[in-house]
Amino acid sequence: MSRARRVTAGALLLAPLVALLWVPGYATERPRLAGVPFFYWYQLAWVPGCSLALFVAYRLTRPRRPES
């Protein structure tokens, strides 16, 4: 596995962690989405975002199958 793939996978795993642990960055009430404060819908938006990041990181680090 190349170094670039490992670094990319690491960045994909680190991005949601940093984005969700930096609470002052999203601890606001506005903008609202359908009446829901930003604080809540920002966190909920990361649920599929984290899943996608984990999936892509897995695919990047998975060993390739030998071609037959």
N, C-alpha and C. Protein backbone atom coordinates (compact mmCIF):
# COMPACT_ATOMS: atom_id res chain seq x y z
N MET A 1 0.85 -1.17 0.00
CA MET A 1 0.00 0.00 0.00
C MET A 1 0.89 1.24 0.00
N SER A 2 0.53 2.20 -0.80
CA SER A 2 1.36 3.39 -0.91
C SER A 2 1.16 4.33 0.28
N ARG A 3 2.15 5.14 0.48
CA ARG A 3 2.10 6.11 1.57
C ARG A 3 0.97 7.12 1.36
N ALA A 4 0.74 7.51 0.12
CA ALA A 4 -0.32 8.49 -0.17
C ALA A 4 -1.69 7.93 0.22
N ARG A 5 -1.91 6.66 -0.03
CA ARG A 5 -3.19 6.04 0.34
C ARG A 5 -3.37 6.00 1.84
N ARG A 6 -2.30 5.69 2.58
CA ARG A 6 -2.38 5.66 4.05
C ARG A 6 -2.62 7.05 4.62
N VAL A 7 -1.95 8.05 4.06
CA VAL A 7 -2.14 9.42 4.54
C VAL A 7 -3.56 9.89 4.26
N THR A 8 -4.07 9.58 3.07
CA THR A 8 -5.44 9.95 2.72
C THR A 8 -6.44 9.27 3.66
N ALA A 9 -6.24 7.98 3.92
CA ALA A 9 -7.13 7.26 4.83
C ALA A 9 -7.07 7.86 6.23
N GLY A 10 -5.88 8.21 6.68
CA GLY A 10 -5.74 8.83 8.00
C GLY A 10 -6.45 10.17 8.07
N ALA A 11 -6.34 10.96 7.02
CA ALA A 11 -7.03 12.26 6.98
C ALA A 11 -8.54 12.07 7.00
N LEU A 12 -9.01 11.06 6.28
CA LEU A 12 -10.46 10.77 6.27
C LEU A 12 -10.96 10.35 7.65
N LEU A 13 -10.14 9.66 8.40
CA LEU A 13 -10.54 9.24 9.74
C LEU A 13 -10.42 10.37 10.75
N LEU A 14 -9.49 11.27 10.51
CA LEU A 14 -9.26 12.37 11.44
C LEU A 14 -10.26 13.52 11.26
N ALA A 15 -10.73 13.74 10.05
CA ALA A 15 -11.63 14.86 9.76
C ALA A 15 -12.90 14.86 10.62
N PRO A 16 -13.65 13.76 10.69
CA PRO A 16 -14.86 13.80 11.54
C PRO A 16 -14.53 13.99 13.02
N LEU A 17 -13.43 13.41 13.46
CA LEU A 17 -13.03 13.55 14.85
C LEU A 17 -12.78 15.02 15.20
N VAL A 18 -12.00 15.69 14.38
CA VAL A 18 -11.70 17.10 14.63
C VAL A 18 -12.95 17.95 14.49
N ALA A 19 -13.74 17.69 13.45
CA ALA A 19 -14.94 18.50 13.21
C ALA A 19 -15.95 18.40 14.34
N LEU A 20 -16.05 17.23 14.97
CA LEU A 20 -17.03 17.07 16.03
C LEU A 20 -16.50 17.40 17.43
N LEU A 21 -15.20 17.33 17.61
CA LEU A 21 -14.64 17.67 18.92
C LEU A 21 -14.40 19.17 19.08
N TRP A 22 -14.38 19.91 17.98
CA TRP A 22 -14.20 21.36 18.06
C TRP A 22 -15.58 22.01 18.22
N VAL A 23 -16.14 21.88 19.40
CA VAL A 23 -17.50 22.33 19.69
C VAL A 23 -17.70 23.84 19.50
N PRO A 24 -16.76 24.71 19.88
CA PRO A 24 -17.02 26.14 19.66
C PRO A 24 -17.25 26.51 18.20
N GLY A 25 -16.81 25.67 17.29
CA GLY A 25 -17.01 25.95 15.87
C GLY A 25 -18.44 25.78 15.42
N TYR A 26 -19.24 25.00 16.12
CA TYR A 26 -20.62 24.78 15.70
C TYR A 26 -21.63 24.97 16.83
N ALA A 27 -21.23 25.52 17.93
CA ALA A 27 -22.13 25.71 19.07
C ALA A 27 -22.93 27.01 18.93
N THR A 28 -23.70 27.07 17.86
CA THR A 28 -24.55 28.24 17.63
C THR A 28 -25.97 27.77 17.33
N GLU A 29 -26.89 28.71 17.43
CA GLU A 29 -28.27 28.38 17.16
C GLU A 29 -28.64 28.63 15.71
N ARG A 30 -27.95 29.56 15.09
CA ARG A 30 -28.24 29.91 13.70
C ARG A 30 -27.12 29.45 12.81
N PRO A 31 -27.35 29.07 11.59
CA PRO A 31 -28.61 29.06 10.85
C PRO A 31 -29.47 27.87 11.25
N ARG A 32 -30.75 28.06 11.14
CA ARG A 32 -31.69 26.99 11.45
C ARG A 32 -32.09 26.27 10.16
N LEU A 33 -32.33 24.99 10.28
CA LEU A 33 -32.80 24.19 9.15
C LEU A 33 -34.10 23.54 9.57
N ALA A 34 -35.19 23.98 8.98
CA ALA A 34 -36.53 23.51 9.33
C ALA A 34 -36.82 23.69 10.81
N GLY A 35 -36.33 24.78 11.39
CA GLY A 35 -36.57 25.09 12.78
C GLY A 35 -35.60 24.43 13.75
N VAL A 36 -34.70 23.60 13.25
CA VAL A 36 -33.73 22.90 14.10
C VAL A 36 -32.46 23.73 14.18
N PRO A 37 -31.97 24.02 15.39
CA PRO A 37 -30.74 24.81 15.52
C PRO A 37 -29.54 24.14 14.86
N PHE A 38 -28.61 24.95 14.42
CA PHE A 38 -27.41 24.49 13.72
C PHE A 38 -26.66 23.44 14.52
N PHE A 39 -26.57 23.61 15.83
CA PHE A 39 -25.85 22.68 16.70
C PHE A 39 -26.30 21.23 16.48
N TYR A 40 -27.60 21.03 16.35
CA TYR A 40 -28.13 19.67 16.21
C TYR A 40 -27.99 19.13 14.80
N TRP A 41 -28.36 19.93 13.79
CA TRP A 41 -28.31 19.37 12.44
C TRP A 41 -26.89 19.23 11.93
N TYR A 42 -25.94 19.99 12.47
CA TYR A 42 -24.53 19.81 12.10
C TYR A 42 -24.05 18.43 12.56
N GLN A 43 -24.39 18.07 13.79
CA GLN A 43 -23.99 16.75 14.31
C GLN A 43 -24.68 15.63 13.55
N LEU A 44 -25.95 15.81 13.25
CA LEU A 44 -26.67 14.77 12.51
C LEU A 44 -26.15 14.63 11.08
N ALA A 45 -25.69 15.70 10.49
CA ALA A 45 -25.14 15.64 9.14
C ALA A 45 -23.84 14.83 9.11
N TRP A 46 -23.15 14.77 10.23
CA TRP A 46 -21.91 14.01 10.29
C TRP A 46 -22.14 12.51 10.39
N VAL A 47 -23.32 12.06 10.71
CA VAL A 47 -23.58 10.62 10.80
C VAL A 47 -23.33 9.94 9.46
N PRO A 48 -23.98 10.36 8.37
CA PRO A 48 -23.64 9.75 7.08
C PRO A 48 -22.24 10.15 6.62
N GLY A 49 -21.80 11.34 7.01
CA GLY A 49 -20.45 11.78 6.64
C GLY A 49 -19.37 10.88 7.23
N CYS A 50 -19.54 10.49 8.49
CA CYS A 50 -18.59 9.58 9.14
C CYS A 50 -18.64 8.21 8.48
N SER A 51 -19.82 7.75 8.17
CA SER A 51 -19.94 6.45 7.51
C SER A 51 -19.24 6.46 6.16
N LEU A 52 -19.41 7.50 5.41
CA LEU A 52 -18.76 7.61 4.11
C LEU A 52 -17.24 7.67 4.26
N ALA A 53 -16.77 8.45 5.22
CA ALA A 53 -15.32 8.56 5.44
C ALA A 53 -14.73 7.23 5.86
N LEU A 54 -15.41 6.50 6.74
CA LEU A 54 -14.94 5.18 7.15
C LEU A 54 -14.90 4.19 5.98
N PHE A 55 -15.93 4.23 5.16
CA PHE A 55 -15.98 3.34 4.01
C PHE A 55 -14.84 3.61 3.03
N VAL A 56 -14.62 4.87 2.72
CA VAL A 56 -13.56 5.23 1.78
C VAL A 56 -12.19 4.89 2.37
N ALA A 57 -11.99 5.15 3.65
CA ALA A 57 -10.72 4.81 4.29
C ALA A 57 -10.49 3.30 4.26
N TYR A 58 -11.54 2.54 4.49
CA TYR A 58 -11.43 1.08 4.42
C TYR A 58 -11.04 0.63 3.02
N ARG A 59 -11.70 1.19 2.01
CA ARG A 59 -11.40 0.80 0.64
C ARG A 59 -9.97 1.18 0.24
N LEU A 60 -9.47 2.29 0.78
CA LEU A 60 -8.11 2.71 0.47
C LEU A 60 -7.06 1.81 1.11
N THR A 61 -7.38 1.26 2.28
CA THR A 61 -6.39 0.46 3.00
C THR A 61 -6.54 -1.04 2.78
N ARG A 62 -7.60 -1.44 2.12
CA ARG A 62 -7.84 -2.86 1.86
C ARG A 62 -6.85 -3.37 0.82
N PRO A 63 -6.25 -4.51 1.06
CA PRO A 63 -5.33 -5.06 0.05
C PRO A 63 -6.07 -5.42 -1.23
N ARG A 64 -5.42 -5.20 -2.32
CA ARG A 64 -6.04 -5.50 -3.61
C ARG A 64 -6.04 -7.00 -3.86
N ARG A 65 -7.08 -7.46 -4.49
CA ARG A 65 -7.18 -8.87 -4.85
C ARG A 65 -6.31 -9.15 -6.07
N PRO A 66 -5.63 -10.28 -6.07
CA PRO A 66 -4.86 -10.62 -7.27
C PRO A 66 -5.80 -10.92 -8.43
N GLU A 67 -5.44 -10.44 -9.59
CA GLU A 67 -6.28 -10.68 -10.77
C GLU A 67 -6.06 -12.09 -11.28
N SER A 68 -7.13 -12.75 -11.67
CA SER A 68 -7.01 -14.13 -12.17
C SER A 68 -7.03 -14.16 -13.68
